[in-house]
Amino acid sequence: MLRLALFEPEIPQNTGTLMRLGACLDIPIDVIEPCGFIYDDKRLKRSGMDYRDIVNVTRHADIHAFWAATMTHRILLLDVKAEQSFYDFTFKPGDIVMVGRESNGVPESVFNQCHTALKIPMNPNCRSLNVAVAAAMVLTEAVRQIRC
């Protein structure tokens, strides 16, 4: 089963949107704290809608707790600094796709500890995609590969 990990999310609307995505695609979500908002924020509730009751969410106190809980999984980081395109990657059951903070991704220590870093090829004049859009693109490809 695929999973999606959110590293220290800062924007409740994105977190709620990703929770909704997880519910719709039946993909569990790992939230690595601290969050940049109060987890029960009304904006999180609004964007997650009633899907928050369906999605399987695991909250981790910090990155160390996340590493300990997921040591048998491949952690695939989506990052603009990655060299490998997600188009050319073979996803496997049990993979965890991780997205970083909206403002600045993940620290170098987290980047280096992930099994693979993947990028979304895009126009070189653009900086990045919204984290929820990026996760949806990559998870859709992963689901296509695994469930076909």
Protein backbone atom coordinates (compact mmCIF):
# COMPACT_ATOMS: atom_id res chain seq x y z
CA MET A 1 0.00 0.00 0.00
CA LEU A 2 1.25 3.46 -0.87
CA ARG A 3 1.41 6.21 1.75
CA LEU A 4 1.82 9.99 1.62
CA ALA A 5 3.95 11.80 4.21
CA LEU A 6 3.66 15.55 4.86
CA PHE A 7 6.82 16.96 6.40
CA GLU A 8 5.94 19.78 8.82
CA PRO A 9 3.06 21.15 6.73
CA GLU A 10 2.50 24.89 7.05
CA ILE A 11 -0.77 25.55 5.23
CA PRO A 12 -3.92 23.90 6.59
CA GLN A 13 -5.75 24.15 3.26
CA ASN A 14 -3.04 22.08 1.54
CA THR A 15 -3.07 19.53 4.36
CA GLY A 16 -6.86 19.25 4.15
CA THR A 17 -6.69 18.88 0.37
CA LEU A 18 -4.08 16.13 0.71
CA MET A 19 -6.20 14.38 3.33
CA ARG A 20 -9.09 14.47 0.88
CA LEU A 21 -6.80 13.05 -1.83
CA GLY A 22 -5.75 10.27 0.55
CA ALA A 23 -9.36 9.43 1.31
CA CYS A 24 -10.36 9.35 -2.35
CA LEU A 25 -7.38 7.24 -3.46
CA ASP A 26 -7.39 5.11 -0.28
CA ILE A 27 -3.85 6.22 0.57
CA PRO A 28 -2.94 6.69 4.25
CA ILE A 29 -1.39 10.00 5.28
CA ASP A 30 1.54 10.52 7.67
CA VAL A 31 1.74 14.01 9.18
CA ILE A 32 5.20 14.79 10.52
CA GLU A 33 4.94 17.51 13.13
CA PRO A 34 5.32 20.22 14.12
CA CYS A 35 2.72 21.72 11.82
CA GLY A 36 2.71 25.42 11.03
CA PHE A 37 -0.91 25.64 12.19
CA ILE A 38 -3.14 24.24 14.90
CA TYR A 39 -4.01 20.78 13.63
CA ASP A 40 -7.73 21.20 14.28
CA ASP A 41 -7.75 24.55 12.46
CA LYS A 42 -11.12 25.38 10.85
CA ARG A 43 -9.36 25.86 7.49
CA LEU A 44 -8.10 22.26 7.68
CA LYS A 45 -11.65 21.13 8.33
CA ARG A 46 -13.04 23.21 5.46
CA SER A 47 -10.60 21.92 2.83
CA GLY A 48 -10.69 18.33 4.08
CA MET A 49 -14.48 18.44 4.25
CA ASP A 50 -16.16 15.26 5.45
CA TYR A 51 -13.31 13.20 3.96
CA ARG A 52 -11.35 13.76 7.19
CA ASP A 53 -13.49 11.04 8.75
CA ILE A 54 -12.54 8.54 6.02
CA VAL A 55 -8.79 9.07 5.64
CA ASN A 56 -6.28 7.09 7.67
CA VAL A 57 -3.97 9.70 9.26
CA THR A 58 -0.98 8.93 11.46
CA ARG A 59 0.60 11.87 13.27
CA HIS A 60 4.30 11.67 14.17
CA ALA A 61 5.73 13.94 16.87
CA ASP A 62 8.80 14.68 14.73
CA ILE A 63 10.95 13.31 11.90
CA HIS A 64 12.72 10.89 14.26
CA ALA A 65 9.41 9.28 15.23
CA PHE A 66 8.51 9.04 11.54
CA TRP A 67 11.83 7.34 10.65
CA ALA A 68 11.35 4.86 13.49
CA ALA A 69 7.81 4.00 12.38
CA THR A 70 8.68 3.62 8.69
CA MET A 71 12.12 2.00 8.69
CA THR A 72 10.99 -0.88 6.44
CA HIS A 73 9.62 1.41 3.71
CA ARG A 74 11.24 3.32 0.85
CA ILE A 75 10.82 7.05 1.40
CA LEU A 76 10.51 8.89 -1.91
CA LEU A 77 10.93 12.63 -1.53
CA LEU A 78 9.39 15.02 -4.04
CA ASP A 79 11.82 17.91 -4.32
CA VAL A 80 12.75 20.52 -6.91
CA LYS A 81 16.43 19.76 -6.23
CA ALA A 82 16.07 16.10 -7.21
CA GLU A 83 17.78 14.77 -10.33
CA GLN A 84 15.46 11.85 -11.16
CA SER A 85 12.12 12.42 -12.87
CA PHE A 86 9.12 10.63 -11.41
CA TYR A 87 8.23 9.70 -15.01
CA ASP A 88 11.22 7.33 -15.09
CA PHE A 89 10.76 5.81 -11.65
CA THR A 90 9.30 2.41 -10.78
CA PHE A 91 7.02 2.62 -7.75
CA LYS A 92 6.44 -0.37 -5.48
CA PRO A 93 3.81 -1.29 -2.90
CA GLY A 94 4.86 0.06 0.48
CA ASP A 95 6.49 3.20 -0.91
CA ILE A 96 5.94 6.41 1.00
CA VAL A 97 5.87 9.59 -1.06
CA MET A 98 7.01 12.55 1.04
CA VAL A 99 6.39 16.23 0.38
CA GLY A 100 8.17 19.01 2.25
CA ARG A 101 7.09 22.28 3.78
CA GLU A 102 5.40 24.68 1.41
CA SER A 103 7.94 27.42 2.12
CA ASN A 104 11.26 25.60 1.88
CA GLY A 105 10.87 21.83 1.43
CA VAL A 106 12.93 19.69 3.78
CA PRO A 107 16.28 20.28 5.48
CA GLU A 108 19.35 18.69 3.89
CA SER A 109 19.49 16.05 6.63
CA VAL A 110 16.01 14.80 5.67
CA PHE A 111 16.80 15.05 1.94
CA ASN A 112 19.88 12.87 2.45
CA GLN A 113 18.07 10.27 4.55
CA CYS A 114 15.33 9.59 1.99
CA HIS A 115 15.87 6.59 -0.28
CA THR A 116 15.21 8.55 -3.47
CA ALA A 117 14.45 12.14 -4.42
CA LEU A 118 12.11 12.66 -7.36
CA LYS A 119 11.29 15.74 -9.38
CA ILE A 120 8.46 16.78 -11.63
CA PRO A 121 10.00 18.05 -14.88
CA MET A 122 8.64 21.51 -15.61
CA ASN A 123 9.29 24.80 -17.31
CA PRO A 124 12.69 26.09 -16.14
CA ASN A 125 11.18 29.56 -15.68
CA CYS A 126 8.91 28.22 -12.93
CA ARG A 127 10.00 27.65 -9.35
CA SER A 128 7.63 24.95 -8.12
CA LEU A 129 4.12 23.53 -8.06
CA ASN A 130 1.69 23.67 -5.17
CA VAL A 131 2.50 20.78 -2.83
CA ALA A 132 -0.99 19.26 -3.17
CA VAL A 133 -0.83 19.41 -6.98
CA ALA A 134 2.63 17.84 -6.99
CA ALA A 135 1.58 15.04 -4.64
CA ALA A 136 -1.54 14.33 -6.71
CA MET A 137 0.51 14.04 -9.91
CA VAL A 138 3.06 11.64 -8.47
CA LEU A 139 0.60 9.55 -6.47
CA THR A 140 -1.57 9.11 -9.54
CA GLU A 141 1.40 7.69 -11.46
CA ALA A 142 2.35 5.47 -8.52
CA VAL A 143 -1.21 4.14 -8.24
CA ARG A 144 -1.30 3.54 -12.00
CA GLN A 145 1.89 1.50 -11.87
CA ILE A 146 1.02 -0.51 -8.78
CA ARG A 147 -2.63 -1.22 -9.44
CA CYS A 148 -2.34 -2.04 -13.17
